[in-house]
PDB file of N, CA and C in Angstrom:
ATOM      1  N   MET A   1      82.335 144.589  86.985  1.00  0.00           N
ATOM      2  CA  MET A   1      83.459 145.039  87.935  1.00  0.00           C
ATOM      3  C   MET A   1      84.858 144.631  87.288  1.00  0.00           C
ATOM      4  N   ASN A   2      84.904 144.927  86.010  1.00  0.00           N
ATOM      5  CA  ASN A   2      86.168 144.662  85.354  1.00  0.00           C
ATOM      6  C   ASN A   2      87.074 145.791  85.580  1.00  0.00           C
ATOM      7  N   LYS A   3      88.249 145.445  86.352  1.00  0.00           N
ATOM      8  CA  LYS A   3      89.319 146.481  86.629  1.00  0.00           C
ATOM      9  C   LYS A   3      90.523 146.259  85.636  1.00  0.00           C
ATOM     10  N   PRO A   4      91.125 147.371  85.243  1.00  0.00           N
ATOM     11  CA  PRO A   4      92.391 147.147  84.554  1.00  0.00           C
ATOM     12  C   PRO A   4      93.387 146.269  85.289  1.00  0.00           C
ATOM     13  N   LYS A   5      94.359 145.568  84.561  1.00  0.00           N
ATOM     14  CA  LYS A   5      95.133 144.630  85.378  1.00  0.00           C
ATOM     15  C   LYS A   5      96.371 145.494  85.971  1.00  0.00           C
ATOM     16  N   ASN A   6      96.400 146.762  85.710  1.00  0.00           N
ATOM     17  CA  ASN A   6      97.513 147.414  86.461  1.00  0.00           C
ATOM     18  C   ASN A   6      97.017 148.179  87.658  1.00  0.00           C
ATOM     19  N   ASP A   7      95.834 148.047  87.999  1.00  0.00           N
ATOM     20  CA  ASP A   7      95.493 148.795  89.321  1.00  0.00           C
ATOM     21  C   ASP A   7      96.179 148.278  90.595  1.00  0.00           C
ATOM     22  N   LEU A   8      96.658 149.117  91.375  1.00  0.00           N
ATOM     23  CA  LEU A   8      97.573 148.760  92.358  1.00  0.00           C
ATOM     24  C   LEU A   8      96.704 148.968  93.660  1.00  0.00           C
ATOM     25  N   LEU A   9      96.747 148.083  94.623  1.00  0.00           N
ATOM     26  CA  LEU A   9      96.166 148.161  95.918  1.00  0.00           C
ATOM     27  C   LEU A   9      96.562 149.437  96.661  1.00  0.00           C
ATOM     28  N   GLN A  10      95.743 150.182  97.483  1.00  0.00           N
ATOM     29  CA  GLN A  10      96.023 151.353  98.084  1.00  0.00           C
ATOM     30  C   GLN A  10      97.340 151.290  98.951  1.00  0.00           C
ATOM     31  N   GLY A  11      98.310 152.040  98.723  1.00  0.00           N
ATOM     32  CA  GLY A  11      99.388 151.972  99.471  1.00  0.00           C
ATOM     33  C   GLY A  11     100.710 151.238  98.978  1.00  0.00           C
ATOM     34  N   THR A  12     100.426 150.362  98.026  1.00  0.00           N
ATOM     35  CA  THR A  12     101.335 149.365  97.438  1.00  0.00           C
ATOM     36  C   THR A  12     102.331 150.222  96.612  1.00  0.00           C
ATOM     37  N   LEU A  13     102.083 151.244  95.903  1.00  0.00           N
ATOM     38  CA  LEU A  13     102.937 152.038  95.075  1.00  0.00           C
ATOM     39  C   LEU A  13     104.191 152.478  95.776  1.00  0.00           C
ATOM     40  N   ALA A  14     104.029 153.100  97.014  1.00  0.00           N
ATOM     41  CA  ALA A  14     105.087 153.466  97.816  1.00  0.00           C
ATOM     42  C   ALA A  14     105.975 152.367  98.263  1.00  0.00           C
ATOM     43  N   LEU A  15     105.414 151.220  98.462  1.00  0.00           N
ATOM     44  CA  LEU A  15     106.193 149.999  98.961  1.00  0.00           C
ATOM     45  C   LEU A  15     107.052 149.637  97.770  1.00  0.00           C
ATOM     46  N   LEU A  16     106.429 149.648  96.568  1.00  0.00           N
ATOM     47  CA  LEU A  16     107.073 149.154  95.285  1.00  0.00           C
ATOM     48  C   LEU A  16     108.258 150.169  95.046  1.00  0.00           C
ATOM     49  N   VAL A  17     107.998 151.411  95.112  1.00  0.00           N
ATOM     50  CA  VAL A  17     109.019 152.338  94.839  1.00  0.00           C
ATOM     51  C   VAL A  17     110.146 152.231  95.838  1.00  0.00           C
ATOM     52  N   LEU A  18     109.882 152.161  97.136  1.00  0.00           N
ATOM     53  CA  LEU A  18     110.901 151.875  98.177  1.00  0.00           C
ATOM     54  C   LEU A  18     111.800 150.660  97.929  1.00  0.00           C
ATOM     55  N   LYS A  19     111.119 149.675  97.556  1.00  0.00           N
ATOM     56  CA  LYS A  19     111.800 148.298  97.361  1.00  0.00           C
ATOM     57  C   LYS A  19     112.730 148.421  96.088  1.00  0.00           C
ATOM     58  N   THR A  20     112.219 149.131  95.058  1.00  0.00           N
ATOM     59  CA  THR A  20     112.978 149.306  93.898  1.00  0.00           C
ATOM     60  C   THR A  20     114.202 150.121  94.092  1.00  0.00           C
ATOM     61  N   LEU A  21     114.136 151.110  95.027  1.00  0.00           N
ATOM     62  CA  LEU A  21     115.287 152.001  95.350  1.00  0.00           C
ATOM     63  C   LEU A  21     116.369 151.280  96.251  1.00  0.00           C
ATOM     64  N   THR A  22     116.087 149.928  96.720  1.00  0.00           N
ATOM     65  CA  THR A  22     117.019 149.397  97.503  1.00  0.00           C
ATOM     66  C   THR A  22     118.246 148.954  96.621  1.00  0.00           C
ATOM     67  N   ARG A  23     117.986 148.950  95.333  1.00  0.00           N
ATOM     68  CA  ARG A  23     118.975 148.584  94.322  1.00  0.00           C
ATOM     69  C   ARG A  23     119.973 149.737  94.125  1.00  0.00           C
ATOM     70  N   GLY A  24     119.607 150.932  94.516  1.00  0.00           N
ATOM     71  CA  GLY A  24     120.501 152.107  94.291  1.00  0.00           C
ATOM     72  C   GLY A  24     119.656 153.318  93.771  1.00  0.00           C
ATOM     73  N   GLN A  25     120.116 154.440  93.586  1.00  0.00           N
ATOM     74  CA  GLN A  25     119.570 155.519  93.186  1.00  0.00           C
ATOM     75  C   GLN A  25     119.087 155.416  91.699  1.00  0.00           C
ATOM     76  N   LEU A  26     117.840 155.870  91.396  1.00  0.00           N
ATOM     77  CA  LEU A  26     117.322 155.840  89.970  1.00  0.00           C
ATOM     78  C   LEU A  26     116.313 157.083  89.920  1.00  0.00           C
ATOM     79  N   HIS A  27     116.094 157.375  88.424  1.00  0.00           N
ATOM     80  CA  HIS A  27     115.188 158.575  88.159  1.00  0.00           C
ATOM     81  C   HIS A  27     113.948 157.867  88.051  1.00  0.00           C
ATOM     82  N   GLY A  28     112.963 158.706  87.966  1.00  0.00           N
ATOM     83  CA  GLY A  28     111.574 158.245  88.042  1.00  0.00           C
ATOM     84  C   GLY A  28     111.161 157.211  86.858  1.00  0.00           C
ATOM     85  N   TYR A  29     111.533 157.396  85.575  1.00  0.00           N
ATOM     86  CA  TYR A  29     111.139 156.688  84.604  1.00  0.00           C
ATOM     87  C   TYR A  29     111.857 155.310  84.859  1.00  0.00           C
ATOM     88  N   ALA A  30     113.111 155.176  85.260  1.00  0.00           N
ATOM     89  CA  ALA A  30     113.809 153.930  85.602  1.00  0.00           C
ATOM     90  C   ALA A  30     113.102 153.222  86.702  1.00  0.00           C
ATOM     91  N   ILE A  31     112.398 153.878  87.521  1.00  0.00           N
ATOM     92  CA  ILE A  31     111.826 153.254  88.710  1.00  0.00           C
ATOM     93  C   ILE A  31     110.554 152.526  88.115  1.00  0.00           C
ATOM     94  N   ALA A  32     109.817 153.297  87.337  1.00  0.00           N
ATOM     95  CA  ALA A  32     108.491 152.777  86.589  1.00  0.00           C
ATOM     96  C   ALA A  32     108.879 151.539  85.702  1.00  0.00           C
ATOM     97  N   GLU A  33     109.954 151.694  85.016  1.00  0.00           N
ATOM     98  CA  GLU A  33     110.390 150.695  84.070  1.00  0.00           C
ATOM     99  C   GLU A  33     110.843 149.361  84.920  1.00  0.00           C
ATOM    100  N   PHE A  34     111.552 149.522  85.865  1.00  0.00           N
ATOM    101  CA  PHE A  34     111.979 148.290  86.669  1.00  0.00           C
ATOM    102  C   PHE A  34     110.750 147.533  87.265  1.00  0.00           C
ATOM    103  N   ILE A  35     109.950 148.436  87.707  1.00  0.00           N
ATOM    104  CA  ILE A  35     108.558 147.727  88.317  1.00  0.00           C
ATOM    105  C   ILE A  35     107.854 146.917  87.273  1.00  0.00           C
ATOM    106  N   GLN A  36     107.693 147.534  86.140  1.00  0.00           N
ATOM    107  CA  GLN A  36     106.852 146.941  84.939  1.00  0.00           C
ATOM    108  C   GLN A  36     107.711 145.589  84.524  1.00  0.00           C
ATOM    109  N   GLN A  37     108.884 145.873  84.324  1.00  0.00           N
ATOM    110  CA  GLN A  37     109.785 144.618  83.921  1.00  0.00           C
ATOM    111  C   GLN A  37     109.820 143.549  84.965  1.00  0.00           C
ATOM    112  N   THR A  38     110.118 143.817  86.056  1.00  0.00           N
ATOM    113  CA  THR A  38     110.200 142.904  87.173  1.00  0.00           C
ATOM    114  C   THR A  38     108.752 142.103  87.430  1.00  0.00           C
ATOM    115  N   SER A  39     107.637 142.849  87.091  1.00  0.00           N
ATOM    116  CA  SER A  39     106.425 142.207  87.304  1.00  0.00           C
ATOM    117  C   SER A  39     105.874 141.528  86.002  1.00  0.00           C
ATOM    118  N   ASP A  40     106.688 141.315  85.091  1.00  0.00           N
ATOM    119  CA  ASP A  40     106.422 140.632  83.821  1.00  0.00           C
ATOM    120  C   ASP A  40     105.340 141.440  83.209  1.00  0.00           C
ATOM    121  N   ASP A  41     105.398 142.821  83.100  1.00  0.00           N
ATOM    122  CA  ASP A  41     104.457 143.733  82.352  1.00  0.00           C
ATOM    123  C   ASP A  41     102.953 143.748  83.170  1.00  0.00           C
ATOM    124  N   ILE A  42     102.785 143.177  84.311  1.00  0.00           N
ATOM    125  CA  ILE A  42     101.571 143.211  84.947  1.00  0.00           C
ATOM    126  C   ILE A  42     101.254 144.572  85.608  1.00  0.00           C
ATOM    127  N   LEU A  43     102.372 145.049  86.361  1.00  0.00           N
ATOM    128  CA  LEU A  43     102.268 146.327  87.113  1.00  0.00           C
ATOM    129  C   LEU A  43     102.762 147.427  86.072  1.00  0.00           C
ATOM    130  N   ARG A  44     101.992 148.381  85.828  1.00  0.00           N
ATOM    131  CA  ARG A  44     102.406 149.571  85.044  1.00  0.00           C
ATOM    132  C   ARG A  44     102.126 150.827  85.903  1.00  0.00           C
ATOM    133  N   VAL A  45     103.166 151.483  86.146  1.00  0.00           N
ATOM    134  CA  VAL A  45     103.025 152.777  86.918  1.00  0.00           C
ATOM    135  C   VAL A  45     103.011 153.973  85.963  1.00  0.00           C
ATOM    136  N   GLU A  46     101.956 154.695  86.166  1.00  0.00           N
ATOM    137  CA  GLU A  46     101.693 155.787  85.225  1.00  0.00           C
ATOM    138  C   GLU A  46     102.372 157.023  85.808  1.00  0.00           C
ATOM    139  N   GLU A  47     102.832 157.924  84.992  1.00  0.00           N
ATOM    140  CA  GLU A  47     103.471 159.101  85.592  1.00  0.00           C
ATOM    141  C   GLU A  47     102.578 159.883  86.496  1.00  0.00           C
ATOM    142  N   GLY A  48     101.241 159.930  86.191  1.00  0.00           N
ATOM    143  CA  GLY A  48     100.420 160.717  87.048  1.00  0.00           C
ATOM    144  C   GLY A  48     100.229 160.036  88.440  1.00  0.00           C
ATOM    145  N   ALA A  49     100.651 159.031  88.693  1.00  0.00           N
ATOM    146  CA  ALA A  49     100.655 158.270  90.013  1.00  0.00           C
ATOM    147  C   ALA A  49     102.139 158.287  90.552  1.00  0.00           C
ATOM    148  N   LEU A  50     103.088 158.119  89.654  1.00  0.00           N
ATOM    149  CA  LEU A  50     104.582 157.942  90.210  1.00  0.00           C
ATOM    150  C   LEU A  50     104.970 159.176  90.812  1.00  0.00           C
ATOM    151  N   TYR A  51     105.026 160.219  89.946  1.00  0.00           N
ATOM    152  CA  TYR A  51     105.744 161.518  90.393  1.00  0.00           C
ATOM    153  C   TYR A  51     105.009 162.131  91.618  1.00  0.00           C
ATOM    154  N   PRO A  52     103.789 162.061  91.879  1.00  0.00           N
ATOM    155  CA  PRO A  52     103.276 162.545  93.139  1.00  0.00           C
ATOM    156  C   PRO A  52     103.581 161.760  94.254  1.00  0.00           C
ATOM    157  N   ALA A  53     103.649 160.362  94.102  1.00  0.00           N
ATOM    158  CA  ALA A  53     104.153 159.392  95.204  1.00  0.00           C
ATOM    159  C   ALA A  53     105.411 159.652  95.462  1.00  0.00           C
ATOM    160  N   LEU A  54     106.427 159.962  94.528  1.00  0.00           N
ATOM    161  CA  LEU A  54     107.837 160.172  94.746  1.00  0.00           C
ATOM    162  C   LEU A  54     107.953 161.591  95.715  1.00  0.00           C
ATOM    163  N   HIS A  55     107.119 162.419  95.267  1.00  0.00           N
ATOM    164  CA  HIS A  55     107.179 163.805  95.932  1.00  0.00           C
ATOM    165  C   HIS A  55     106.808 163.639  97.393  1.00  0.00           C
ATOM    166  N   ARG A  56     105.676 162.843  97.599  1.00  0.00           N
ATOM    167  CA  ARG A  56     105.129 162.579  99.008  1.00  0.00           C
ATOM    168  C   ARG A  56     106.203 161.725  99.839  1.00  0.00           C
ATOM    169  N   LEU A  57     106.846 160.773  99.230  1.00  0.00           N
ATOM    170  CA  LEU A  57     107.887 160.019  99.949  1.00  0.00           C
ATOM    171  C   LEU A  57     109.100 160.907 100.298  1.00  0.00           C
ATOM    172  N   GLU A  58     109.519 161.769  99.450  1.00  0.00           N
ATOM    173  CA  GLU A  58     110.530 162.765  99.646  1.00  0.00           C
ATOM    174  C   GLU A  58     110.189 163.751 100.865  1.00  0.00           C
ATOM    175  N   LEU A  59     109.029 164.147 100.651  1.00  0.00           N
ATOM    176  CA  LEU A  59     108.424 165.170 101.844  1.00  0.00           C
ATOM    177  C   LEU A  59     108.512 164.338 103.139  1.00  0.00           C
ATOM    178  N   ARG A  60     108.203 163.112 103.176  1.00  0.00           N
ATOM    179  CA  ARG A  60     107.996 162.407 104.413  1.00  0.00           C
ATOM    180  C   ARG A  60     109.543 161.929 105.001  1.00  0.00           C
ATOM    181  N   GLY A  61     110.584 162.371 104.134  1.00  0.00           N
ATOM    182  CA  GLY A  61     111.903 162.068 104.567  1.00  0.00           C
ATOM    183  C   GLY A  61     112.186 160.478 104.202  1.00  0.00           C
ATOM    184  N   LEU A  62     111.583 159.845 103.406  1.00  0.00           N
ATOM    185  CA  LEU A  62     111.782 158.446 103.133  1.00  0.00           C
ATOM    186  C   LEU A  62     112.679 158.328 101.786  1.00  0.00           C
ATOM    187  N   LEU A  63     112.767 159.461 101.173  1.00  0.00           N
ATOM    188  CA  LEU A  63     113.751 159.610 100.024  1.00  0.00           C
ATOM    189  C   LEU A  63     114.384 160.816 100.112  1.00  0.00           C
ATOM    190  N   SER A  64     115.567 160.809  99.398  1.00  0.00           N
ATOM    191  CA  SER A  64     116.259 162.015  99.092  1.00  0.00           C
ATOM    192  C   SER A  64     116.509 162.131  97.555  1.00  0.00           C
ATOM    193  N   ALA A  65     116.618 163.194  97.172  1.00  0.00           N
ATOM    194  CA  ALA A  65     116.675 163.398  95.530  1.00  0.00           C
ATOM    195  C   ALA A  65     117.582 164.498  95.204  1.00  0.00           C
ATOM    196  N   GLU A  66     118.428 164.185  94.030  1.00  0.00           N
ATOM    197  CA  GLU A  66     119.170 165.237  93.523  1.00  0.00           C
ATOM    198  C   GLU A  66     119.150 165.130  92.029  1.00  0.00           C
ATOM    199  N   TRP A  67     119.395 166.379  91.369  1.00  0.00           N
ATOM    200  CA  TRP A  67     119.289 166.472  90.032  1.00  0.00           C
ATOM    201  C   TRP A  67     120.543 165.836  89.326  1.00  0.00           C
ATOM    202  N   GLY A  68     120.552 165.249  88.062  1.00  0.00           N
ATOM    203  CA  GLY A  68     121.650 164.741  87.497  1.00  0.00           C
ATOM    204  C   GLY A  68     121.269 164.480  85.922  1.00  0.00           C
ATOM    205  N   LEU A  69     122.226 163.837  85.150  1.00  0.00           N
ATOM    206  CA  LEU A  69     121.965 163.573  83.750  1.00  0.00           C
ATOM    207  C   LEU A  69     121.507 162.201  83.691  1.00  0.00           C
ATOM    208  N   SER A  70     120.616 161.831  82.816  1.00  0.00           N
ATOM    209  CA  SER A  70     120.184 160.446  82.572  1.00  0.00           C
ATOM    210  C   SER A  70     121.111 159.888  81.510  1.00  0.00           C
ATOM    211  N   GLU A  71     120.832 158.623  81.226  1.00  0.00           N
ATOM    212  CA  GLU A  71     121.651 157.811  80.286  1.00  0.00           C
ATOM    213  C   GLU A  71     121.767 158.532  79.010  1.00  0.00           C
ATOM    214  N   ASN A  72     120.595 159.111  78.506  1.00  0.00           N
ATOM    215  CA  ASN A  72     120.557 159.892  77.253  1.00  0.00           C
ATOM    216  C   ASN A  72     120.689 161.568  77.352  1.00  0.00           C
ATOM    217  N   ASN A  73     121.525 161.838  78.391  1.00  0.00           N
ATOM    218  CA  ASN A  73     122.020 163.091  78.603  1.00  0.00           C
ATOM    219  C   ASN A  73     120.838 164.206  78.844  1.00  0.00           C
ATOM    220  N   ARG A  74     119.654 163.702  79.409  1.00  0.00           N
ATOM    221  CA  ARG A  74     118.633 164.617  79.811  1.00  0.00           C
ATOM    222  C   ARG A  74     118.664 164.707  81.340  1.00  0.00           C
ATOM    223  N   ARG A  75     118.208 166.035  81.663  1.00  0.00           N
ATOM    224  CA  ARG A  75     118.184 166.320  83.251  1.00  0.00           C
ATOM    225  C   ARG A  75     117.131 165.485  83.807  1.00  0.00           C
ATOM    226  N   ALA A  76     117.617 164.728  84.999  1.00  0.00           N
ATOM    227  CA  ALA A  76     116.557 163.980  85.516  1.00  0.00           C
ATOM    228  C   ALA A  76     116.843 164.126  87.029  1.00  0.00           C
ATOM    229  N   LYS A  77     115.790 163.842  87.825  1.00  0.00           N
ATOM    230  CA  LYS A  77     115.880 163.906  89.156  1.00  0.00           C
ATOM    231  C   LYS A  77     116.102 162.413  89.744  1.00  0.00           C
ATOM    232  N   TYR A  78     117.270 162.157  90.371  1.00  0.00           N
ATOM    233  CA  TYR A  78     117.507 160.830  90.903  1.00  0.00           C
ATOM    234  C   TYR A  78     117.085 160.655  92.376  1.00  0.00           C
ATOM    235  N   TYR A  79     116.464 159.648  92.764  1.00  0.00           N
ATOM    236  CA  TYR A  79     115.854 159.251  94.103  1.00  0.00           C
ATOM    237  C   TYR A  79     116.734 158.215  94.768  1.00  0.00           C
ATOM    238  N   ARG A  80     116.929 158.334  96.043  1.00  0.00           N
ATOM    239  CA  ARG A  80     117.384 157.338  96.964  1.00  0.00           C
ATOM    240  C   ARG A  80     116.961 157.180  98.108  1.00  0.00           C
ATOM    241  N   LEU A  81     116.933 155.925  98.713  1.00  0.00           N
ATOM    242  CA  LEU A  81     116.344 155.597 100.073  1.00  0.00           C
ATOM    243  C   LEU A  81     117.156 156.337 101.101  1.00  0.00           C
ATOM    244  N   THR A  82     116.463 156.785 102.092  1.00  0.00           N
ATOM    245  CA  THR A  82     117.178 157.471 103.360  1.00  0.00           C
ATOM    246  C   THR A  82     117.125 156.374 104.256  1.00  0.00           C
ATOM    247  N   ALA A  83     117.723 156.686 105.450  1.00  0.00           N
ATOM    248  CA  ALA A  83     117.699 155.554 106.596  1.00  0.00           C
ATOM    249  C   ALA A  83     116.354 155.515 106.909  1.00  0.00           C
ATOM    250  N   ALA A  84     115.568 156.474 107.200  1.00  0.00           N
ATOM    251  CA  ALA A  84     114.048 156.272 107.528  1.00  0.00           C
ATOM    252  C   ALA A  84     113.414 155.551 106.558  1.00  0.00           C
ATOM    253  N   GLY A  85     113.800 155.681 105.250  1.00  0.00           N
ATOM    254  CA  GLY A  85     112.935 155.023 104.291  1.00  0.00           C
ATOM    255  C   GLY A  85     113.323 153.495 104.314  1.00  0.00           C
ATOM    256  N   LYS A  86     114.531 153.111 104.577  1.00  0.00           N
ATOM    257  CA  LYS A  86     114.975 151.766 104.835  1.00  0.00           C
ATOM    258  C   LYS A  86     114.067 151.158 106.126  1.00  0.00           C
ATOM    259  N   LYS A  87     113.880 151.849 107.106  1.00  0.00           N
ATOM    260  CA  LYS A  87     113.188 151.362 108.231  1.00  0.00           C
ATOM    261  C   LYS A  87     111.818 151.237 107.826  1.00  0.00           C
ATOM    262  N   TYR A  88     111.244 152.140 107.276  1.00  0.00           N
ATOM    263  CA  TYR A  88     109.772 152.298 106.896  1.00  0.00           C
ATOM    264  C   TYR A  88     109.549 150.884 105.932  1.00  0.00           C
ATOM    265  N   LEU A  89     110.384 150.868 104.912  1.00  0.00           N
ATOM    266  CA  LEU A  89     110.354 149.757 104.099  1.00  0.00           C
ATOM    267  C   LEU A  89     110.286 148.425 104.791  1.00  0.00           C
ATOM    268  N   ALA A  90     111.175 148.111 105.822  1.00  0.00           N
ATOM    269  CA  ALA A  90     111.259 147.105 106.606  1.00  0.00           C
ATOM    270  C   ALA A  90     109.844 146.701 107.194  1.00  0.00           C
ATOM    271  N   VAL A  91     109.278 147.738 107.779  1.00  0.00           N
ATOM    272  CA  VAL A  91     107.971 147.569 108.654  1.00  0.00           C
ATOM    273  C   VAL A  91     106.953 147.199 107.675  1.00  0.00           C
ATOM    274  N   GLU A  92     106.830 147.985 106.561  1.00  0.00           N
ATOM    275  CA  GLU A  92     105.736 147.899 105.667  1.00  0.00           C
ATOM    276  C   GLU A  92     105.985 146.582 104.861  1.00  0.00           C
ATOM    277  N   ALA A  93     107.129 146.033 104.682  1.00  0.00           N
ATOM    278  CA  ALA A  93     107.221 144.723 103.927  1.00  0.00           C
ATOM    279  C   ALA A  93     106.856 143.628 104.842  1.00  0.00           C
ATOM    280  N   SER A  94     107.012 143.851 106.061  1.00  0.00           N
ATOM    281  CA  SER A  94     106.691 142.735 106.972  1.00  0.00           C
ATOM    282  C   SER A  94     105.047 142.630 107.069  1.00  0.00           C
ATOM    283  N   SER A  95     104.580 143.778 107.041  1.00  0.00           N
ATOM    284  CA  SER A  95     103.019 144.024 107.030  1.00  0.00           C
ATOM    285  C   SER A  95     102.491 143.361 105.795  1.00  0.00           C
ATOM    286  N   TRP A  96     103.046 143.585 104.819  1.00  0.00           N
ATOM    287  CA  TRP A  96     102.502 143.178 103.609  1.00  0.00           C
ATOM    288  C   TRP A  96     102.749 141.768 103.418  1.00  0.00           C
ATOM    289  N   ASP A  97     103.729 141.054 103.903  1.00  0.00           N
ATOM    290  CA  ASP A  97     103.868 139.624 103.883  1.00  0.00           C
ATOM    291  C   ASP A  97     102.802 138.947 104.616  1.00  0.00           C
ATOM    292  N   ARG A  98     102.450 139.710 105.887  1.00  0.00           N
ATOM    293  CA  ARG A  98     101.429 139.020 106.691  1.00  0.00           C
ATOM    294  C   ARG A  98     100.010 139.132 106.012  1.00  0.00           C
ATOM    295  N   LEU A  99      99.799 140.185 105.348  1.00  0.00           N
ATOM    296  CA  LEU A  99      98.504 140.458 104.777  1.00  0.00           C
ATOM    297  C   LEU A  99      98.506 139.568 103.409  1.00  0.00           C
ATOM    298  N   ALA A 100      99.521 139.314 102.698  1.00  0.00           N
ATOM    299  CA  ALA A 100      99.554 138.462 101.441  1.00  0.00           C
ATOM    300  C   ALA A 100      99.362 137.023 101.969  1.00  0.00           C
ATOM    301  N   GLY A 101      99.849 136.620 103.127  1.00  0.00           N
ATOM    302  CA  GLY A 101      99.840 135.319 103.571  1.00  0.00           C
ATOM    303  C   GLY A 101      98.402 134.956 104.099  1.00  0.00           C
ATOM    304  N   ALA A 102      97.800 135.888 104.744  1.00  0.00           N
ATOM    305  CA  ALA A 102      96.318 135.902 105.219  1.00  0.00           C
ATOM    306  C   ALA A 102      95.401 135.749 104.056  1.00  0.00           C
ATOM    307  N   ILE A 103      95.489 136.510 102.948  1.00  0.00           N
ATOM    308  CA  ILE A 103      94.667 136.435 101.854  1.00  0.00           C
ATOM    309  C   ILE A 103      94.967 135.028 101.039  1.00  0.00           C
ATOM    310  N   SER A 104      96.159 134.592 100.972  1.00  0.00           N
ATOM    311  CA  SER A 104      96.484 133.340 100.462  1.00  0.00           C
ATOM    312  C   SER A 104      95.706 132.107 101.234  1.00  0.00           C
ATOM    313  N   LEU A 105      95.708 132.291 102.552  1.00  0.00           N
ATOM    314  CA  LEU A 105      94.902 131.213 103.236  1.00  0.00           C
ATOM    315  C   LEU A 105      93.646 131.154 102.882  1.00  0.00           C
ATOM    316  N   VAL A 106      92.937 132.376 102.891  1.00  0.00           N
ATOM    317  CA  VAL A 106      91.604 132.270 102.599  1.00  0.00           C
ATOM    318  C   VAL A 106      91.292 131.954 101.117  1.00  0.00           C
ATOM    319  N   MET A 107      92.085 132.227 100.255  1.00  0.00           N
ATOM    320  CA  MET A 107      91.950 131.921  98.880  1.00  0.00           C
ATOM    321  C   MET A 107      92.044 130.511  98.640  1.00  0.00           C
ATOM    322  N   ARG A 108      92.813 129.734  99.652  1.00  0.00           N
ATOM    323  CA  ARG A 108      92.984 128.284  99.217  1.00  0.00           C
ATOM    324  C   ARG A 108      91.886 127.591  99.752  1.00  0.00           C
ATOM    325  N   THR A 109      90.936 128.047 100.549  1.00  0.00           N
ATOM    326  CA  THR A 109      89.861 127.227 101.102  1.00  0.00           C
ATOM    327  C   THR A 109      88.857 126.802 100.069  1.00  0.00           C
ATOM    328  N   SER A 110      88.166 125.804 100.268  1.00  0.00           N
ATOM    329  CA  SER A 110      87.186 125.417  99.248  1.00  0.00           C
ATOM    330  C   SER A 110      85.821 125.522  99.773  1.00  0.00           C
TER     331      SER A 110
END
């Protein structure tokens, strides 16, 4: 049962994307790069997972997007949190904190 180190728990990608976008609008590659760098290269978000997730979040009204130019003059879609996205993030982050705390309690038992 060897899993790659970059497997994400179900639903955590959306949470990570939303949290990343609290810093301001970013394009997809910058979102993936931020998550990877911030997690000390433990979490790697593949394009095949990221872009469908961004699309789902946009369809749900949690993100808005607009086209612009990236740092190297390439056309890129920039995403930003909506008010609904901020509310959703607050609720989900609280749930995540409770879950992580409960897991931690179990893992500390002998």
